[in-house]
N, C-alpha and C. Protein backbone atom coordinates (compact mmCIF):
# COMPACT_ATOMS: atom_id res chain seq x y z
N MET A 1 189.56 -5.37 103.87
CA MET A 1 188.94 -6.89 103.80
C MET A 1 189.84 -7.55 104.79
N ASP A 2 188.83 -8.31 105.32
CA ASP A 2 189.73 -9.59 106.18
C ASP A 2 190.17 -10.83 106.05
N VAL A 3 190.70 -11.75 106.41
CA VAL A 3 191.31 -12.71 106.21
C VAL A 3 190.27 -13.76 105.13
N ASP A 4 189.04 -13.80 106.21
CA ASP A 4 188.06 -15.09 105.68
C ASP A 4 188.00 -14.32 104.39
N LYS A 5 187.49 -13.12 103.72
CA LYS A 5 187.47 -12.86 102.51
C LYS A 5 188.55 -13.37 101.31
N LEU A 6 189.72 -12.98 102.10
CA LEU A 6 190.77 -13.26 101.19
C LEU A 6 191.10 -14.70 100.88
N VAL A 7 190.67 -15.87 101.88
CA VAL A 7 190.91 -16.97 101.85
C VAL A 7 189.56 -17.28 100.80
N ASP A 8 188.22 -17.16 101.07
CA ASP A 8 187.52 -17.18 100.39
C ASP A 8 187.55 -16.73 98.62
N LEU A 9 188.46 -15.83 98.12
CA LEU A 9 188.64 -15.37 97.28
C LEU A 9 189.86 -16.66 96.33
N ALA A 10 190.64 -16.62 97.29
CA ALA A 10 192.00 -17.41 96.64
C ALA A 10 191.55 -18.92 96.53
N THR A 11 190.61 -19.52 97.23
CA THR A 11 190.53 -20.82 97.22
C THR A 11 189.15 -21.41 96.42
N GLY A 12 188.30 -20.14 96.08
CA GLY A 12 187.14 -20.29 95.07
C GLY A 12 187.19 -20.45 93.91
N PRO A 13 186.50 -20.17 93.11
CA PRO A 13 186.50 -20.11 91.18
C PRO A 13 187.38 -19.17 90.99
N GLY A 14 187.37 -17.95 91.50
CA GLY A 14 188.05 -17.06 91.05
C GLY A 14 189.90 -17.30 91.26
N GLY A 15 189.80 -17.97 92.51
CA GLY A 15 191.53 -18.72 92.57
C GLY A 15 192.11 -19.55 91.60
N ALA A 16 190.60 -20.07 91.02
CA ALA A 16 191.25 -21.79 90.35
C ALA A 16 191.03 -20.94 88.98
N LEU A 17 190.88 -19.97 88.67
CA LEU A 17 190.41 -19.44 87.33
C LEU A 17 191.86 -18.67 87.33
N VAL A 18 192.57 -17.84 88.26
CA VAL A 18 194.09 -17.57 88.20
C VAL A 18 194.90 -18.51 88.12
N ILE A 19 194.97 -19.62 88.82
CA ILE A 19 195.67 -20.84 88.93
C ILE A 19 195.93 -21.29 87.40
N VAL A 20 194.37 -21.41 86.79
CA VAL A 20 194.71 -22.13 85.17
C VAL A 20 195.15 -20.98 84.57
N LEU A 21 195.10 -19.81 84.74
CA LEU A 21 195.61 -18.83 83.38
C LEU A 21 196.99 -19.01 84.03
N ILE A 22 197.92 -19.12 84.99
CA ILE A 22 199.17 -19.08 85.28
C ILE A 22 199.61 -20.04 84.24
N PHE A 23 199.22 -21.62 84.79
CA PHE A 23 199.10 -22.62 84.06
C PHE A 23 199.47 -22.52 82.48
N LEU A 24 198.63 -22.32 82.18
CA LEU A 24 198.45 -21.83 80.28
C LEU A 24 199.53 -20.79 80.07
N VAL A 25 199.59 -19.73 80.81
CA VAL A 25 200.80 -18.89 80.56
C VAL A 25 202.39 -19.94 80.67
N GLY A 26 202.12 -20.36 81.23
CA GLY A 26 203.56 -21.08 81.58
C GLY A 26 203.76 -22.33 80.43
N LEU A 27 202.59 -22.75 80.29
CA LEU A 27 202.55 -23.72 78.93
C LEU A 27 202.96 -23.18 77.67
N TYR A 28 202.25 -22.16 77.36
CA TYR A 28 202.30 -21.39 76.23
C TYR A 28 204.33 -21.02 76.13
N ARG A 29 204.47 -20.90 77.08
CA ARG A 29 206.06 -20.32 77.07
C ARG A 29 206.98 -21.49 77.16
N LEU A 30 206.53 -22.39 77.73
CA LEU A 30 207.23 -23.41 77.30
C LEU A 30 207.33 -24.17 76.19
N SER A 31 206.46 -24.60 75.67
CA SER A 31 205.87 -24.66 74.26
C SER A 31 206.71 -23.69 73.32
N ARG A 32 206.58 -22.52 73.46
CA ARG A 32 207.26 -21.79 72.36
C ARG A 32 208.54 -21.56 72.84
N ASP A 33 209.14 -21.55 74.06
CA ASP A 33 210.98 -21.60 73.94
C ASP A 33 211.30 -22.76 73.74
N PHE A 34 210.78 -24.12 74.05
CA PHE A 34 211.46 -25.26 74.18
C PHE A 34 210.85 -26.16 73.28
N ILE A 35 209.39 -26.71 73.11
CA ILE A 35 209.10 -27.63 72.53
C ILE A 35 209.12 -27.62 70.82
N ILE A 36 208.69 -26.35 70.38
CA ILE A 36 208.76 -25.90 68.76
C ILE A 36 209.75 -26.02 68.50
N PRO A 37 210.81 -25.01 69.09
CA PRO A 37 212.18 -25.22 68.71
C PRO A 37 213.02 -26.82 68.25
N MET A 38 212.52 -27.41 69.48
CA MET A 38 212.85 -28.88 69.42
C MET A 38 212.29 -29.85 68.57
N MET A 39 211.00 -29.97 68.43
CA MET A 39 210.70 -30.21 67.00
C MET A 39 210.66 -30.06 65.82
N LYS A 40 211.27 -28.28 65.61
CA LYS A 40 211.58 -28.32 64.41
C LYS A 40 213.10 -28.76 63.90
N ALA A 41 213.97 -28.90 64.91
CA ALA A 41 215.24 -29.47 64.59
C ALA A 41 215.18 -30.71 64.32
N SER A 42 214.00 -31.50 65.06
CA SER A 42 213.79 -33.00 65.04
C SER A 42 213.38 -33.38 63.34
N VAL A 43 212.29 -32.27 63.17
CA VAL A 43 211.86 -32.39 61.79
C VAL A 43 213.18 -32.22 60.93
N ASP A 44 214.00 -31.11 60.60
CA ASP A 44 215.17 -30.94 60.08
C ASP A 44 215.90 -32.15 59.73
N ARG A 45 216.15 -32.38 60.92
CA ARG A 45 216.99 -33.66 60.95
C ARG A 45 216.37 -34.84 60.17
N HIS A 46 215.03 -35.43 60.45
CA HIS A 46 214.31 -36.00 59.88
C HIS A 46 214.40 -35.85 58.06
N LEU A 47 214.17 -34.74 57.80
CA LEU A 47 213.99 -34.33 56.34
C LEU A 47 215.69 -34.68 55.88
N ASP A 48 216.59 -34.15 56.45
CA ASP A 48 217.65 -34.62 55.85
C ASP A 48 218.16 -35.84 55.83
N GLN A 49 217.46 -36.55 56.30
CA GLN A 49 217.83 -38.13 56.44
C GLN A 49 217.25 -38.64 55.17
N VAL A 50 215.78 -38.31 55.05
CA VAL A 50 215.26 -38.61 53.80
C VAL A 50 215.72 -37.89 52.92
N ASP A 51 216.39 -36.80 52.76
CA ASP A 51 217.27 -36.34 51.30
C ASP A 51 218.20 -37.14 50.95
N LYS A 52 218.77 -37.77 52.02
CA LYS A 52 220.18 -38.56 51.73
C LYS A 52 219.56 -39.93 51.65
N MET A 53 218.85 -40.58 51.73
CA MET A 53 218.02 -41.62 51.40
C MET A 53 217.86 -41.42 50.02
N MET A 54 217.23 -40.78 49.52
CA MET A 54 216.53 -40.01 48.23
C MET A 54 217.78 -40.29 47.33
N ASN A 55 218.74 -39.67 47.87
CA ASN A 55 220.28 -39.39 46.95
C ASN A 55 220.48 -40.72 46.84
N MET A 56 220.98 -41.56 47.92
CA MET A 56 221.19 -43.00 47.71
C MET A 56 220.56 -43.93 46.91
N HIS A 57 219.30 -43.95 46.85
CA HIS A 57 218.09 -44.49 45.94
C HIS A 57 218.48 -44.19 44.66
N SER A 58 218.57 -42.77 44.54
CA SER A 58 218.87 -42.53 43.17
C SER A 58 220.32 -43.13 42.32
N ASP A 59 221.42 -43.24 43.52
CA ASP A 59 222.57 -43.40 42.71
C ASP A 59 222.58 -45.20 42.54
N GLU A 60 221.80 -45.96 43.05
CA GLU A 60 221.50 -46.84 43.29
C GLU A 60 220.38 -47.33 42.13
N HIS A 61 219.82 -46.81 42.07
CA HIS A 61 218.79 -46.87 40.66
C HIS A 61 219.19 -46.97 39.19
N ARG A 62 220.42 -45.67 39.29
CA ARG A 62 221.31 -45.64 38.31
C ARG A 62 222.18 -46.75 38.14
N ALA A 63 222.74 -47.33 38.97
CA ALA A 63 223.56 -48.42 38.94
C ALA A 63 222.87 -49.68 38.25
N ILE A 64 221.84 -50.01 38.82
CA ILE A 64 220.88 -50.74 38.51
C ILE A 64 220.35 -50.54 37.01
N MET A 65 220.07 -49.30 36.75
CA MET A 65 220.00 -49.70 35.38
C MET A 65 221.10 -49.41 34.28
N ASP A 66 222.49 -49.25 34.75
CA ASP A 66 223.62 -49.35 34.01
C ASP A 66 223.67 -50.91 33.41
N VAL A 67 223.68 -51.97 34.99
CA VAL A 67 223.85 -53.22 34.92
C VAL A 67 222.84 -53.73 34.01
N LEU A 68 221.33 -53.20 33.84
CA LEU A 68 220.48 -53.82 33.01
C LEU A 68 220.50 -53.85 31.42
N THR A 69 221.18 -52.44 31.42
CA THR A 69 221.39 -51.89 30.19
C THR A 69 222.49 -52.69 29.71
N SER A 70 223.42 -53.10 30.21
CA SER A 70 224.67 -53.95 29.87
C SER A 70 224.30 -55.17 29.60
N MET A 71 223.33 -55.71 30.46
CA MET A 71 222.93 -57.23 30.52
C MET A 71 221.86 -57.50 29.00
N ASN A 72 221.37 -56.37 28.79
CA ASN A 72 220.60 -56.20 27.81
C ASN A 72 221.13 -56.00 26.57
N GLY A 73 222.22 -55.80 26.43
CA GLY A 73 223.12 -55.57 25.29
C GLY A 73 224.13 -56.74 25.08
N ARG A 74 224.21 -57.50 26.06
CA ARG A 74 224.72 -58.85 26.14
C ARG A 74 223.94 -60.03 25.75
N VAL A 75 222.90 -59.95 26.17
CA VAL A 75 221.30 -60.85 25.52
C VAL A 75 221.39 -60.49 24.22
N GLU A 76 221.55 -59.49 23.49
CA GLU A 76 221.06 -58.86 22.13
C GLU A 76 222.06 -59.44 21.29
N LYS A 77 223.49 -59.02 21.76
CA LYS A 77 224.68 -59.79 21.18
C LYS A 77 224.31 -61.09 20.71
N CYS A 78 224.24 -62.17 21.98
CA CYS A 78 224.10 -63.72 22.02
C CYS A 78 223.09 -63.67 21.16
N ARG A 79 221.96 -63.31 21.31
CA ARG A 79 220.79 -63.43 20.15
C ARG A 79 221.29 -63.29 18.83
N TYR A 80 221.86 -62.59 18.53
CA TYR A 80 222.22 -61.68 16.92
C TYR A 80 223.46 -63.42 16.48
N GLN A 81 224.09 -63.26 17.53
CA GLN A 81 225.48 -64.59 17.28
C GLN A 81 224.71 -65.61 17.04
N GLU A 82 223.78 -66.07 17.38
CA GLU A 82 222.68 -67.55 17.30
C GLU A 82 222.44 -67.37 16.14
N GLY A 83 221.71 -66.22 15.44
CA GLY A 83 220.78 -66.25 14.49
C GLY A 83 222.08 -66.35 13.19
N LYS A 84 223.24 -66.20 13.05
CA LYS A 84 224.11 -66.11 12.10
C LYS A 84 224.32 -67.64 11.83
């Protein structure tokens, strides 16, 4: 093979196809080794924050319900005393 044929192969559609394949393999490896683990860690961190918020919300809800129950008892006690 002479140089002209090699240049034609390297710069023609075959060469472009090889470059695209190399690019796609690199993109696959990049996503497999870095992007997917990084996204997994980010999602796990987000879900942990959501769990903490839900627990905090449950505690706040329980405290609010206790206060409302106590207030309801006081109101009923006042109504009962007014009725006498």
